[in-house]
Amino acid sequence: MKKITIAIDGFSSTGKSTLAKQLADWLDYIYVDTGAMYRAVTLFAMQQGFITDAKVDQGALENALKDISIDFKKNESTGMADVFLNGVNVEKQIRTLAVSGLVSPVAAISAVRTKLVSQQQKLGQNKGVVMDGRDIATVVFPEAELKIFLDASATTRAQRRYKELIDSGDKVSLEDVLKNVVERDYIDSTRKDSPLVKAKGAIAIDNSHMNLEDQFHVILQLAKDRIAGRI
């Protein structure tokens, strides 16, 4: 059976990673969480003191990019791939609201995107990969056989993200989470380098009123059709 590249783009908290993991697991493909890579760079910048009052010292971060190593390693307990930053498991740290609030301005830096896009393209060069992010179908894999663009209302996405954070033990307010979602939407959509847009040929899906199971089966069928050459 031939293998294809599946590119999933969309706004924050639309469930891109969950969907991508489901597809990769079912198809026995490689899953790459590009958002986690940008989060890891953001965490590094925070740890190094390159961010003050929500402003990124771009020069300092760019000079330190050579010192950043990001890897994915399978967690035997969860069966999922955890993110390692310079050899340290940072899976939990990169999912906090503090990192979420700073990842968009870090991801808007051209040098950061150049470094990570190059790594992402190498990971997917042999196909059989599911990758999610903001510019996968437009920049990383514009020739992907299946391109999906996920969307949902800001309120719906904030509620989903709020539940995730509360369930993980974080103390946050829904108001703050919604503010973060709206701010990230604006930054991601208006940045000069690789702004978030629906790629040519991408299939747009609004999952505001879809559960995870229904969404998965709809997109899995699309993947099966592309693999079989039916569409």
C-alpha atoms as a PDB file:
ATOM      1  CA  MET A   1       0.000   0.000   0.000  1.00  0.00           C
ATOM      2  CA  LYS A   2       1.388   3.389  -0.970  1.00  0.00           C
ATOM      3  CA  LYS A   3       2.034   5.975   1.715  1.00  0.00           C
ATOM      4  CA  ILE A   4       1.048   9.627   1.606  1.00  0.00           C
ATOM      5  CA  THR A   5       1.751  12.816   3.513  1.00  0.00           C
ATOM      6  CA  ILE A   6      -1.103  14.201   5.601  1.00  0.00           C
ATOM      7  CA  ALA A   7      -0.872  17.885   6.554  1.00  0.00           C
ATOM      8  CA  ILE A   8      -3.218  19.257   9.208  1.00  0.00           C
ATOM      9  CA  ASP A   9      -3.346  23.009   9.810  1.00  0.00           C
ATOM     10  CA  GLY A  10      -5.711  25.129  11.867  1.00  0.00           C
ATOM     11  CA  PHE A  11      -6.223  27.505  14.737  1.00  0.00           C
ATOM     12  CA  SER A  12      -5.108  26.764  18.294  1.00  0.00           C
ATOM     13  CA  SER A  13      -7.132  24.240  20.299  1.00  0.00           C
ATOM     14  CA  THR A  14      -9.005  22.830  17.323  1.00  0.00           C
ATOM     15  CA  GLY A  15      -7.797  19.344  18.203  1.00  0.00           C
ATOM     16  CA  LYS A  16      -5.134  19.091  15.496  1.00  0.00           C
ATOM     17  CA  SER A  17      -2.739  17.052  17.602  1.00  0.00           C
ATOM     18  CA  THR A  18      -5.407  14.642  18.833  1.00  0.00           C
ATOM     19  CA  LEU A  19      -6.614  14.039  15.297  1.00  0.00           C
ATOM     20  CA  ALA A  20      -3.093  13.671  13.919  1.00  0.00           C
ATOM     21  CA  LYS A  21      -2.197  11.128  16.618  1.00  0.00           C
ATOM     22  CA  GLN A  22      -5.351   9.115  15.891  1.00  0.00           C
ATOM     23  CA  LEU A  23      -4.639   9.031  12.160  1.00  0.00           C
ATOM     24  CA  ALA A  24      -0.972   8.149  12.608  1.00  0.00           C
ATOM     25  CA  ASP A  25      -1.861   5.338  14.991  1.00  0.00           C
ATOM     26  CA  TRP A  26      -4.535   3.857  12.718  1.00  0.00           C
ATOM     27  CA  LEU A  27      -2.433   4.160   9.545  1.00  0.00           C
ATOM     28  CA  ASP A  28       0.824   3.178  11.299  1.00  0.00           C
ATOM     29  CA  TYR A  29       2.353   6.470  10.163  1.00  0.00           C
ATOM     30  CA  ILE A  30       4.893   8.709  11.885  1.00  0.00           C
ATOM     31  CA  TYR A  31       3.319  11.558  13.865  1.00  0.00           C
ATOM     32  CA  VAL A  32       5.133  14.873  14.242  1.00  0.00           C
ATOM     33  CA  ASP A  33       3.717  17.534  16.582  1.00  0.00           C
ATOM     34  CA  THR A  34       5.212  20.702  15.104  1.00  0.00           C
ATOM     35  CA  GLY A  35       3.408  22.889  17.622  1.00  0.00           C
ATOM     36  CA  ALA A  36       5.306  21.106  20.380  1.00  0.00           C
ATOM     37  CA  MET A  37       8.560  22.013  18.653  1.00  0.00           C
ATOM     38  CA  TYR A  38       7.694  25.721  18.756  1.00  0.00           C
ATOM     39  CA  ARG A  39       6.586  25.342  22.356  1.00  0.00           C
ATOM     40  CA  ALA A  40       9.937  23.766  23.210  1.00  0.00           C
ATOM     41  CA  VAL A  41      11.816  26.709  21.682  1.00  0.00           C
ATOM     42  CA  THR A  42       9.553  29.052  23.665  1.00  0.00           C
ATOM     43  CA  LEU A  43      10.291  27.189  26.895  1.00  0.00           C
ATOM     44  CA  PHE A  44      14.016  27.417  26.136  1.00  0.00           C
ATOM     45  CA  ALA A  45      13.711  31.175  25.617  1.00  0.00           C
ATOM     46  CA  MET A  46      11.872  31.515  28.928  1.00  0.00           C
ATOM     47  CA  GLN A  47      14.475  29.434  30.760  1.00  0.00           C
ATOM     48  CA  GLN A  48      17.315  31.517  29.302  1.00  0.00           C
ATOM     49  CA  GLY A  49      15.691  34.814  30.214  1.00  0.00           C
ATOM     50  CA  PHE A  50      15.184  35.844  26.596  1.00  0.00           C
ATOM     51  CA  ILE A  51      11.593  36.926  27.283  1.00  0.00           C
ATOM     52  CA  THR A  52      10.775  39.925  29.475  1.00  0.00           C
ATOM     53  CA  ASP A  53       7.300  41.402  29.928  1.00  0.00           C
ATOM     54  CA  ALA A  54       6.042  39.189  27.070  1.00  0.00           C
ATOM     55  CA  LYS A  55       8.691  40.647  24.717  1.00  0.00           C
ATOM     56  CA  VAL A  56      11.174  38.311  23.045  1.00  0.00           C
ATOM     57  CA  ASP A  57      14.843  39.236  22.730  1.00  0.00           C
ATOM     58  CA  GLN A  58      14.958  38.092  19.119  1.00  0.00           C
ATOM     59  CA  GLY A  59      18.689  38.567  18.669  1.00  0.00           C
ATOM     60  CA  ALA A  60      19.579  36.541  21.738  1.00  0.00           C
ATOM     61  CA  LEU A  61      17.229  33.731  20.768  1.00  0.00           C
ATOM     62  CA  GLU A  62      18.486  33.608  17.186  1.00  0.00           C
ATOM     63  CA  ASN A  63      22.087  33.396  18.413  1.00  0.00           C
ATOM     64  CA  ALA A  64      21.157  30.514  20.712  1.00  0.00           C
ATOM     65  CA  LEU A  65      19.220  28.440  18.162  1.00  0.00           C
ATOM     66  CA  LYS A  66      22.315  26.333  17.515  1.00  0.00           C
ATOM     67  CA  ASP A  67      22.155  25.223  21.160  1.00  0.00           C
ATOM     68  CA  ILE A  68      18.618  23.855  20.867  1.00  0.00           C
ATOM     69  CA  SER A  69      18.011  20.164  20.246  1.00  0.00           C
ATOM     70  CA  ILE A  70      14.439  18.844  20.053  1.00  0.00           C
ATOM     71  CA  ASP A  71      13.580  15.144  19.953  1.00  0.00           C
ATOM     72  CA  PHE A  72      10.483  12.976  20.201  1.00  0.00           C
ATOM     73  CA  LYS A  73      10.688   9.799  22.287  1.00  0.00           C
ATOM     74  CA  LYS A  74       7.931   7.297  22.959  1.00  0.00           C
ATOM     75  CA  ASN A  75       6.535   7.304  26.484  1.00  0.00           C
ATOM     76  CA  GLU A  76       6.074   3.643  27.372  1.00  0.00           C
ATOM     77  CA  SER A  77       3.369   4.496  29.917  1.00  0.00           C
ATOM     78  CA  THR A  78       1.151   6.511  27.586  1.00  0.00           C
ATOM     79  CA  GLY A  79       2.222   5.068  24.255  1.00  0.00           C
ATOM     80  CA  MET A  80       2.593   8.635  22.951  1.00  0.00           C
ATOM     81  CA  ALA A  81       5.693  10.571  21.928  1.00  0.00           C
ATOM     82  CA  ASP A  82       6.991  13.009  24.542  1.00  0.00           C
ATOM     83  CA  VAL A  83       9.031  16.089  23.651  1.00  0.00           C
ATOM     84  CA  PHE A  84      12.629  16.330  24.824  1.00  0.00           C
ATOM     85  CA  LEU A  85      14.480  19.636  24.920  1.00  0.00           C
ATOM     86  CA  ASN A  86      18.240  19.185  25.053  1.00  0.00           C
ATOM     87  CA  GLY A  87      17.774  15.708  26.475  1.00  0.00           C
ATOM     88  CA  VAL A  88      15.181  16.652  29.110  1.00  0.00           C
ATOM     89  CA  ASN A  89      11.531  15.559  28.966  1.00  0.00           C
ATOM     90  CA  VAL A  90       9.521  18.805  28.840  1.00  0.00           C
ATOM     91  CA  GLU A  91       6.173  17.393  27.708  1.00  0.00           C
ATOM     92  CA  LYS A  92       4.263  18.792  30.698  1.00  0.00           C
ATOM     93  CA  GLN A  93       6.094  22.135  30.885  1.00  0.00           C
ATOM     94  CA  ILE A  94       5.389  23.072  27.263  1.00  0.00           C
ATOM     95  CA  ARG A  95       1.624  22.577  27.663  1.00  0.00           C
ATOM     96  CA  THR A  96       1.159  25.283  30.325  1.00  0.00           C
ATOM     97  CA  LEU A  97      -0.773  28.502  29.743  1.00  0.00           C
ATOM     98  CA  ALA A  98       2.440  30.462  30.382  1.00  0.00           C
ATOM     99  CA  VAL A  99       4.078  28.856  27.355  1.00  0.00           C
ATOM    100  CA  SER A 100       0.858  29.115  25.326  1.00  0.00           C
ATOM    101  CA  GLY A 101       0.829  32.859  25.893  1.00  0.00           C
ATOM    102  CA  LEU A 102       4.302  33.299  24.411  1.00  0.00           C
ATOM    103  CA  VAL A 103       4.584  30.670  21.697  1.00  0.00           C
ATOM    104  CA  SER A 104       2.997  32.722  18.897  1.00  0.00           C
ATOM    105  CA  PRO A 105       5.500  35.631  19.024  1.00  0.00           C
ATOM    106  CA  VAL A 106       8.370  33.141  19.203  1.00  0.00           C
ATOM    107  CA  ALA A 107       6.952  31.174  16.265  1.00  0.00           C
ATOM    108  CA  ALA A 108       6.697  34.408  14.263  1.00  0.00           C
ATOM    109  CA  ILE A 109      10.489  34.794  14.227  1.00  0.00           C
ATOM    110  CA  SER A 110      11.778  33.850  10.775  1.00  0.00           C
ATOM    111  CA  ALA A 111      14.998  32.234  12.014  1.00  0.00           C
ATOM    112  CA  VAL A 112      13.044  29.985  14.376  1.00  0.00           C
ATOM    113  CA  ARG A 113      10.673  28.926  11.601  1.00  0.00           C
ATOM    114  CA  THR A 114      13.557  28.272   9.191  1.00  0.00           C
ATOM    115  CA  LYS A 115      15.296  25.993  11.683  1.00  0.00           C
ATOM    116  CA  LEU A 116      12.190  24.005  12.578  1.00  0.00           C
ATOM    117  CA  VAL A 117      10.744  23.789   9.052  1.00  0.00           C
ATOM    118  CA  SER A 118      14.016  22.239   7.885  1.00  0.00           C
ATOM    119  CA  GLN A 119      13.799  19.630  10.659  1.00  0.00           C
ATOM    120  CA  GLN A 120      10.151  18.925   9.866  1.00  0.00           C
ATOM    121  CA  GLN A 121      10.822  18.397   6.168  1.00  0.00           C
ATOM    122  CA  LYS A 122      13.564  15.895   6.976  1.00  0.00           C
ATOM    123  CA  LEU A 123      11.211  13.974   9.271  1.00  0.00           C
ATOM    124  CA  GLY A 124       8.635  13.656   6.506  1.00  0.00           C
ATOM    125  CA  GLN A 125      10.809  13.153   3.448  1.00  0.00           C
ATOM    126  CA  ASN A 126       9.888   9.461   3.096  1.00  0.00           C
ATOM    127  CA  LYS A 127       6.120  10.055   3.384  1.00  0.00           C
ATOM    128  CA  GLY A 128       3.978   7.934   5.703  1.00  0.00           C
ATOM    129  CA  VAL A 129       3.743  10.938   8.018  1.00  0.00           C
ATOM    130  CA  VAL A 130       0.989  12.932   9.701  1.00  0.00           C
ATOM    131  CA  MET A 131       2.058  16.428  10.691  1.00  0.00           C
ATOM    132  CA  ASP A 132       0.024  19.186  12.298  1.00  0.00           C
ATOM    133  CA  GLY A 133       0.700  22.864  12.847  1.00  0.00           C
ATOM    134  CA  ARG A 134       0.061  26.281  11.334  1.00  0.00           C
ATOM    135  CA  ASP A 135       1.947  26.127   8.026  1.00  0.00           C
ATOM    136  CA  ILE A 136       2.268  22.445   7.192  1.00  0.00           C
ATOM    137  CA  ALA A 137       0.226  22.514   3.995  1.00  0.00           C
ATOM    138  CA  THR A 138       1.419  25.964   2.913  1.00  0.00           C
ATOM    139  CA  VAL A 139       5.159  25.834   3.682  1.00  0.00           C
ATOM    140  CA  VAL A 140       6.406  22.498   5.037  1.00  0.00           C
ATOM    141  CA  PHE A 141       4.555  20.146   2.667  1.00  0.00           C
ATOM    142  CA  PRO A 142       2.696  22.173   0.019  1.00  0.00           C
ATOM    143  CA  GLU A 143       2.526  19.017  -2.137  1.00  0.00           C
ATOM    144  CA  ALA A 144       0.922  16.856   0.579  1.00  0.00           C
ATOM    145  CA  GLU A 145      -1.623  14.428  -0.836  1.00  0.00           C
ATOM    146  CA  LEU A 146      -4.161  15.263   1.903  1.00  0.00           C
ATOM    147  CA  LYS A 147      -4.474  18.732   3.397  1.00  0.00           C
ATOM    148  CA  ILE A 148      -6.905  19.448   6.228  1.00  0.00           C
ATOM    149  CA  PHE A 149      -7.723  22.847   7.730  1.00  0.00           C
ATOM    150  CA  LEU A 150      -9.457  22.646  11.128  1.00  0.00           C
ATOM    151  CA  ASP A 151     -11.480  25.463  12.639  1.00  0.00           C
ATOM    152  CA  ALA A 152     -13.947  26.046  15.481  1.00  0.00           C
ATOM    153  CA  SER A 153     -15.360  29.082  17.258  1.00  0.00           C
ATOM    154  CA  ALA A 154     -13.007  30.852  19.675  1.00  0.00           C
ATOM    155  CA  THR A 155     -15.404  30.184  22.555  1.00  0.00           C
ATOM    156  CA  THR A 156     -15.541  26.466  21.810  1.00  0.00           C
ATOM    157  CA  ARG A 157     -11.764  26.252  21.552  1.00  0.00           C
ATOM    158  CA  ALA A 158     -11.273  28.172  24.801  1.00  0.00           C
ATOM    159  CA  GLN A 159     -13.627  25.837  26.633  1.00  0.00           C
ATOM    160  CA  ARG A 160     -11.736  22.800  25.350  1.00  0.00           C
ATOM    161  CA  ARG A 161      -8.374  24.270  26.312  1.00  0.00           C
ATOM    162  CA  TYR A 162      -9.675  25.342  29.726  1.00  0.00           C
ATOM    163  CA  LYS A 163     -10.812  21.788  30.488  1.00  0.00           C
ATOM    164  CA  GLU A 164      -7.432  20.371  29.446  1.00  0.00           C
ATOM    165  CA  LEU A 165      -5.568  22.778  31.719  1.00  0.00           C
ATOM    166  CA  ILE A 166      -7.867  22.207  34.689  1.00  0.00           C
ATOM    167  CA  ASP A 167      -7.656  18.437  34.243  1.00  0.00           C
ATOM    168  CA  SER A 168      -3.864  18.664  34.239  1.00  0.00           C
ATOM    169  CA  GLY A 169      -3.900  20.570  37.534  1.00  0.00           C
ATOM    170  CA  ASP A 170      -3.342  24.127  36.309  1.00  0.00           C
ATOM    171  CA  LYS A 171      -5.228  26.953  38.030  1.00  0.00           C
ATOM    172  CA  VAL A 172      -6.549  29.179  35.256  1.00  0.00           C
ATOM    173  CA  SER A 173      -9.702  31.107  34.439  1.00  0.00           C
ATOM    174  CA  LEU A 174     -11.818  30.589  31.337  1.00  0.00           C
ATOM    175  CA  GLU A 175     -11.565  34.331  30.681  1.00  0.00           C
ATOM    176  CA  ASP A 176      -7.769  34.177  30.545  1.00  0.00           C
ATOM    177  CA  VAL A 177      -7.828  31.120  28.305  1.00  0.00           C
ATOM    178  CA  LEU A 178     -10.256  32.787  25.875  1.00  0.00           C
ATOM    179  CA  LYS A 179      -8.083  35.914  25.802  1.00  0.00           C
ATOM    180  CA  ASN A 180      -5.059  33.740  24.992  1.00  0.00           C
ATOM    181  CA  VAL A 181      -6.922  31.960  22.177  1.00  0.00           C
ATOM    182  CA  VAL A 182      -8.010  35.239  20.571  1.00  0.00           C
ATOM    183  CA  GLU A 183      -4.529  36.751  20.862  1.00  0.00           C
ATOM    184  CA  ARG A 184      -2.898  33.687  19.326  1.00  0.00           C
ATOM    185  CA  ASP A 185      -5.400  33.715  16.459  1.00  0.00           C
ATOM    186  CA  TYR A 186      -4.475  37.303  15.670  1.00  0.00           C
ATOM    187  CA  ILE A 187      -0.715  36.763  15.840  1.00  0.00           C
ATOM    188  CA  ASP A 188      -0.815  33.507  13.868  1.00  0.00           C
ATOM    189  CA  SER A 189      -3.001  35.001  11.133  1.00  0.00           C
ATOM    190  CA  THR A 190      -1.180  38.315  10.710  1.00  0.00           C
ATOM    191  CA  ARG A 191       2.505  37.459  11.073  1.00  0.00           C
ATOM    192  CA  LYS A 192       4.644  38.247   8.026  1.00  0.00           C
ATOM    193  CA  ASP A 193       6.398  34.882   7.898  1.00  0.00           C
ATOM    194  CA  SER A 194       4.127  31.925   7.034  1.00  0.00           C
ATOM    195  CA  PRO A 195       0.818  33.285   8.367  1.00  0.00           C
ATOM    196  CA  LEU A 196      -1.939  30.817   9.187  1.00  0.00           C
ATOM    197  CA  VAL A 197      -4.136  30.464   6.091  1.00  0.00           C
ATOM    198  CA  LYS A 198      -6.043  27.657   4.430  1.00  0.00           C
ATOM    199  CA  ALA A 199      -3.779  26.130   1.814  1.00  0.00           C
ATOM    200  CA  LYS A 200      -4.837  25.709  -1.778  1.00  0.00           C
ATOM    201  CA  GLY A 201      -6.577  22.357  -2.085  1.00  0.00           C
ATOM    202  CA  ALA A 202      -7.086  21.969   1.665  1.00  0.00           C
ATOM    203  CA  ILE A 203     -10.372  20.592   2.959  1.00  0.00           C
ATOM    204  CA  ALA A 204     -11.849  22.928   5.597  1.00  0.00           C
ATOM    205  CA  ILE A 205     -13.639  21.314   8.521  1.00  0.00           C
ATOM    206  CA  ASP A 206     -15.386  23.263  11.301  1.00  0.00           C
ATOM    207  CA  ASN A 207     -15.528  20.905  14.265  1.00  0.00           C
ATOM    208  CA  SER A 208     -17.355  23.244  16.662  1.00  0.00           C
ATOM    209  CA  HIS A 209     -20.208  20.743  16.894  1.00  0.00           C
ATOM    210  CA  MET A 210     -18.370  17.494  16.149  1.00  0.00           C
ATOM    211  CA  ASN A 211     -17.136  14.971  18.675  1.00  0.00           C
ATOM    212  CA  LEU A 212     -13.683  13.430  18.326  1.00  0.00           C
ATOM    213  CA  GLU A 213     -14.978  10.087  17.062  1.00  0.00           C
ATOM    214  CA  ASP A 214     -17.110  11.572  14.287  1.00  0.00           C
ATOM    215  CA  GLN A 215     -14.310  13.892  13.197  1.00  0.00           C
ATOM    216  CA  PHE A 216     -11.812  11.052  13.125  1.00  0.00           C
ATOM    217  CA  HIS A 217     -13.968   8.823  10.940  1.00  0.00           C
ATOM    218  CA  VAL A 218     -14.699  11.625   8.465  1.00  0.00           C
ATOM    219  CA  ILE A 219     -11.023  12.423   7.983  1.00  0.00           C
ATOM    220  CA  LEU A 220      -9.891   8.793   8.098  1.00  0.00           C
ATOM    221  CA  GLN A 221     -12.181   8.116   5.144  1.00  0.00           C
ATOM    222  CA  LEU A 222     -10.614  11.034   3.293  1.00  0.00           C
ATOM    223  CA  ALA A 223      -7.177   9.552   3.985  1.00  0.00           C
ATOM    224  CA  LYS A 224      -8.245   6.094   2.803  1.00  0.00           C
ATOM    225  CA  ASP A 225      -9.635   7.592  -0.410  1.00  0.00           C
ATOM    226  CA  ARG A 226      -6.407   9.497  -1.089  1.00  0.00           C
ATOM    227  CA  ILE A 227      -4.277   6.433  -0.408  1.00  0.00           C
ATOM    228  CA  ALA A 228      -6.426   4.366  -2.750  1.00  0.00           C
ATOM    229  CA  GLY A 229      -6.349   7.122  -5.368  1.00  0.00           C
ATOM    230  CA  ARG A 230     -10.122   7.536  -5.387  1.00  0.00           C
ATOM    231  CA  ILE A 231      -9.951  11.313  -4.916  1.00  0.00           C
END
